[in-house]
Amino acid sequence: MNPEYITIAISAIEQLAEAAPSIMSDIKSLLAPIKEGRAPTAEEWQVAQAALDAANAKVQAG
C-alpha cells in the first residue's frame, strides 16, 4: 500500500471519530421533526443549514 494513502486514511478516520458526537447530535436534531410527524421549524432549518455549511467548510479546508 501507498504510505501516503495510509496516512490520509488514518487522518480521515481520526477526524470522523472526533466528529462522531457532533454528527450524532446533528442527526438527532434533523430526525426530531420527522419522528414528531411535523415539518421542521424555521429555526431547525437554520441550525441544520449552519451545521451543513460548517461541515462543508471543514471538508473543503482539508
N, C-alpha and C. Protein backbone atom coordinates (compact mmCIF):
# COMPACT_ATOMS: atom_id res chain seq x y z
N MET A 1 0.83 -1.19 0.00
CA MET A 1 0.00 0.00 0.00
C MET A 1 0.87 1.25 0.00
N ASN A 2 0.33 2.26 -0.58
CA ASN A 2 1.00 3.55 -0.66
C ASN A 2 1.00 4.20 0.73
N PRO A 3 2.18 4.54 1.27
CA PRO A 3 2.24 5.16 2.60
C PRO A 3 1.45 6.47 2.69
N GLU A 4 1.41 7.23 1.61
CA GLU A 4 0.65 8.49 1.62
C GLU A 4 -0.84 8.20 1.78
N TYR A 5 -1.33 7.18 1.08
CA TYR A 5 -2.73 6.79 1.19
C TYR A 5 -3.06 6.37 2.61
N ILE A 6 -2.18 5.61 3.22
CA ILE A 6 -2.40 5.15 4.60
C ILE A 6 -2.48 6.34 5.55
N THR A 7 -1.59 7.30 5.39
CA THR A 7 -1.60 8.49 6.23
C THR A 7 -2.91 9.27 6.07
N ILE A 8 -3.35 9.43 4.84
CA ILE A 8 -4.60 10.14 4.58
C ILE A 8 -5.78 9.39 5.18
N ALA A 9 -5.80 8.08 5.00
CA ALA A 9 -6.91 7.26 5.53
C ALA A 9 -6.96 7.33 7.05
N ILE A 10 -5.81 7.24 7.69
CA ILE A 10 -5.77 7.32 9.16
C ILE A 10 -6.27 8.68 9.63
N SER A 11 -5.84 9.73 8.98
CA SER A 11 -6.28 11.07 9.36
C SER A 11 -7.79 11.22 9.19
N ALA A 12 -8.33 10.71 8.10
CA ALA A 12 -9.77 10.81 7.86
C ALA A 12 -10.55 10.05 8.92
N ILE A 13 -10.09 8.87 9.28
CA ILE A 13 -10.76 8.06 10.30
C ILE A 13 -10.70 8.75 11.66
N GLU A 14 -9.55 9.32 11.99
CA GLU A 14 -9.42 10.04 13.26
C GLU A 14 -10.37 11.23 13.32
N GLN A 15 -10.44 11.98 12.23
CA GLN A 15 -11.33 13.15 12.19
C GLN A 15 -12.79 12.74 12.30
N LEU A 16 -13.15 11.65 11.65
CA LEU A 16 -14.51 11.15 11.74
C LEU A 16 -14.84 10.72 13.16
N ALA A 17 -13.91 10.04 13.81
CA ALA A 17 -14.13 9.60 15.19
C ALA A 17 -14.29 10.80 16.12
N GLU A 18 -13.49 11.83 15.92
CA GLU A 18 -13.58 13.03 16.75
C GLU A 18 -14.91 13.76 16.53
N ALA A 19 -15.41 13.70 15.30
CA ALA A 19 -16.64 14.41 14.96
C ALA A 19 -17.90 13.60 15.28
N ALA A 20 -17.74 12.34 15.63
CA ALA A 20 -18.90 11.45 15.83
C ALA A 20 -19.96 12.02 16.78
N PRO A 21 -19.58 12.54 17.95
CA PRO A 21 -20.62 13.08 18.84
C PRO A 21 -21.42 14.22 18.20
N SER A 22 -20.74 15.08 17.50
CA SER A 22 -21.41 16.20 16.83
C SER A 22 -22.31 15.69 15.71
N ILE A 23 -21.82 14.71 14.97
CA ILE A 23 -22.60 14.13 13.88
C ILE A 23 -23.88 13.51 14.42
N MET A 24 -23.76 12.76 15.51
CA MET A 24 -24.94 12.12 16.11
C MET A 24 -25.94 13.17 16.59
N SER A 25 -25.45 14.23 17.19
CA SER A 25 -26.32 15.30 17.65
C SER A 25 -27.06 15.95 16.48
N ASP A 26 -26.34 16.19 15.39
CA ASP A 26 -26.95 16.79 14.21
C ASP A 26 -28.01 15.87 13.62
N ILE A 27 -27.72 14.58 13.56
CA ILE A 27 -28.68 13.62 13.01
C ILE A 27 -29.93 13.57 13.87
N LYS A 28 -29.75 13.53 15.18
CA LYS A 28 -30.91 13.50 16.09
C LYS A 28 -31.76 14.76 15.93
N SER A 29 -31.11 15.90 15.78
CA SER A 29 -31.84 17.16 15.59
C SER A 29 -32.62 17.16 14.29
N LEU A 30 -32.02 16.60 13.24
CA LEU A 30 -32.70 16.56 11.95
C LEU A 30 -33.86 15.56 11.94
N LEU A 31 -33.74 14.51 12.72
CA LEU A 31 -34.79 13.49 12.75
C LEU A 31 -35.95 13.84 13.68
N ALA A 32 -35.73 14.74 14.61
CA ALA A 32 -36.76 15.08 15.60
C ALA A 32 -38.09 15.45 14.96
N PRO A 33 -38.12 16.38 14.00
CA PRO A 33 -39.41 16.74 13.42
C PRO A 33 -40.09 15.56 12.71
N ILE A 34 -39.29 14.74 12.06
CA ILE A 34 -39.85 13.58 11.36
C ILE A 34 -40.49 12.62 12.35
N LYS A 35 -39.79 12.35 13.45
CA LYS A 35 -40.33 11.46 14.47
C LYS A 35 -41.61 12.03 15.10
N GLU A 36 -41.66 13.36 15.18
CA GLU A 36 -42.83 14.03 15.77
C GLU A 36 -43.94 14.25 14.75
N GLY A 37 -43.71 13.85 13.51
CA GLY A 37 -44.73 13.97 12.48
C GLY A 37 -45.04 15.40 12.07
N ARG A 38 -44.02 16.24 12.07
CA ARG A 38 -44.25 17.65 11.72
C ARG A 38 -43.12 18.15 10.82
N ALA A 39 -43.35 19.29 10.25
CA ALA A 39 -42.31 19.93 9.45
C ALA A 39 -41.32 20.63 10.37
N PRO A 40 -40.06 20.72 9.96
CA PRO A 40 -39.09 21.45 10.77
C PRO A 40 -39.47 22.92 10.88
N THR A 41 -39.15 23.51 12.02
CA THR A 41 -39.37 24.94 12.19
C THR A 41 -38.31 25.70 11.42
N ALA A 42 -38.52 26.98 11.25
CA ALA A 42 -37.52 27.82 10.58
C ALA A 42 -36.20 27.77 11.33
N GLU A 43 -36.27 27.78 12.65
CA GLU A 43 -35.05 27.72 13.46
C GLU A 43 -34.32 26.38 13.27
N GLU A 44 -35.08 25.30 13.22
CA GLU A 44 -34.45 23.98 13.00
C GLU A 44 -33.77 23.93 11.64
N TRP A 45 -34.42 24.49 10.62
CA TRP A 45 -33.80 24.53 9.29
C TRP A 45 -32.52 25.37 9.32
N GLN A 46 -32.58 26.48 10.01
CA GLN A 46 -31.42 27.38 10.09
C GLN A 46 -30.25 26.69 10.78
N VAL A 47 -30.52 25.99 11.88
CA VAL A 47 -29.47 25.27 12.61
C VAL A 47 -28.90 24.16 11.73
N ALA A 48 -29.76 23.43 11.03
CA ALA A 48 -29.30 22.35 10.15
C ALA A 48 -28.44 22.90 9.03
N GLN A 49 -28.86 23.99 8.42
CA GLN A 49 -28.08 24.58 7.33
C GLN A 49 -26.73 25.08 7.83
N ALA A 50 -26.70 25.69 9.00
CA ALA A 50 -25.43 26.16 9.56
C ALA A 50 -24.49 24.98 9.84
N ALA A 51 -25.04 23.89 10.35
CA ALA A 51 -24.21 22.70 10.61
C ALA A 51 -23.66 22.13 9.31
N LEU A 52 -24.49 22.07 8.28
CA LEU A 52 -24.02 21.57 6.99
C LEU A 52 -22.96 22.49 6.39
N ASP A 53 -23.18 23.80 6.48
CA ASP A 53 -22.20 24.76 5.96
C ASP A 53 -20.86 24.62 6.67
N ALA A 54 -20.91 24.46 8.00
CA ALA A 54 -19.67 24.31 8.78
C ALA A 54 -18.96 23.03 8.41
N ALA A 55 -19.71 21.94 8.27
CA ALA A 55 -19.09 20.66 7.90
C ALA A 55 -18.48 20.75 6.51
N ASN A 56 -19.18 21.38 5.58
CA ASN A 56 -18.66 21.53 4.22
C ASN A 56 -17.38 22.36 4.22
N ALA A 57 -17.37 23.43 4.97
CA ALA A 57 -16.18 24.27 5.03
C ALA A 57 -14.99 23.50 5.59
N LYS A 58 -15.25 22.68 6.60
CA LYS A 58 -14.17 21.88 7.19
C LYS A 58 -13.63 20.87 6.20
N VAL A 59 -14.52 20.23 5.45
CA VAL A 59 -14.10 19.26 4.44
C VAL A 59 -13.30 19.96 3.35
N GLN A 60 -13.77 21.10 2.89
CA GLN A 60 -13.09 21.83 1.82
C GLN A 60 -11.71 22.31 2.27
N ALA A 61 -11.56 22.62 3.55
CA ALA A 61 -10.27 23.07 4.07
C ALA A 61 -9.27 21.94 4.19
N GLY A 62 -9.79 20.72 4.21
CA GLY A 62 -8.92 19.55 4.28
C GLY A 62 -8.59 19.27 5.69
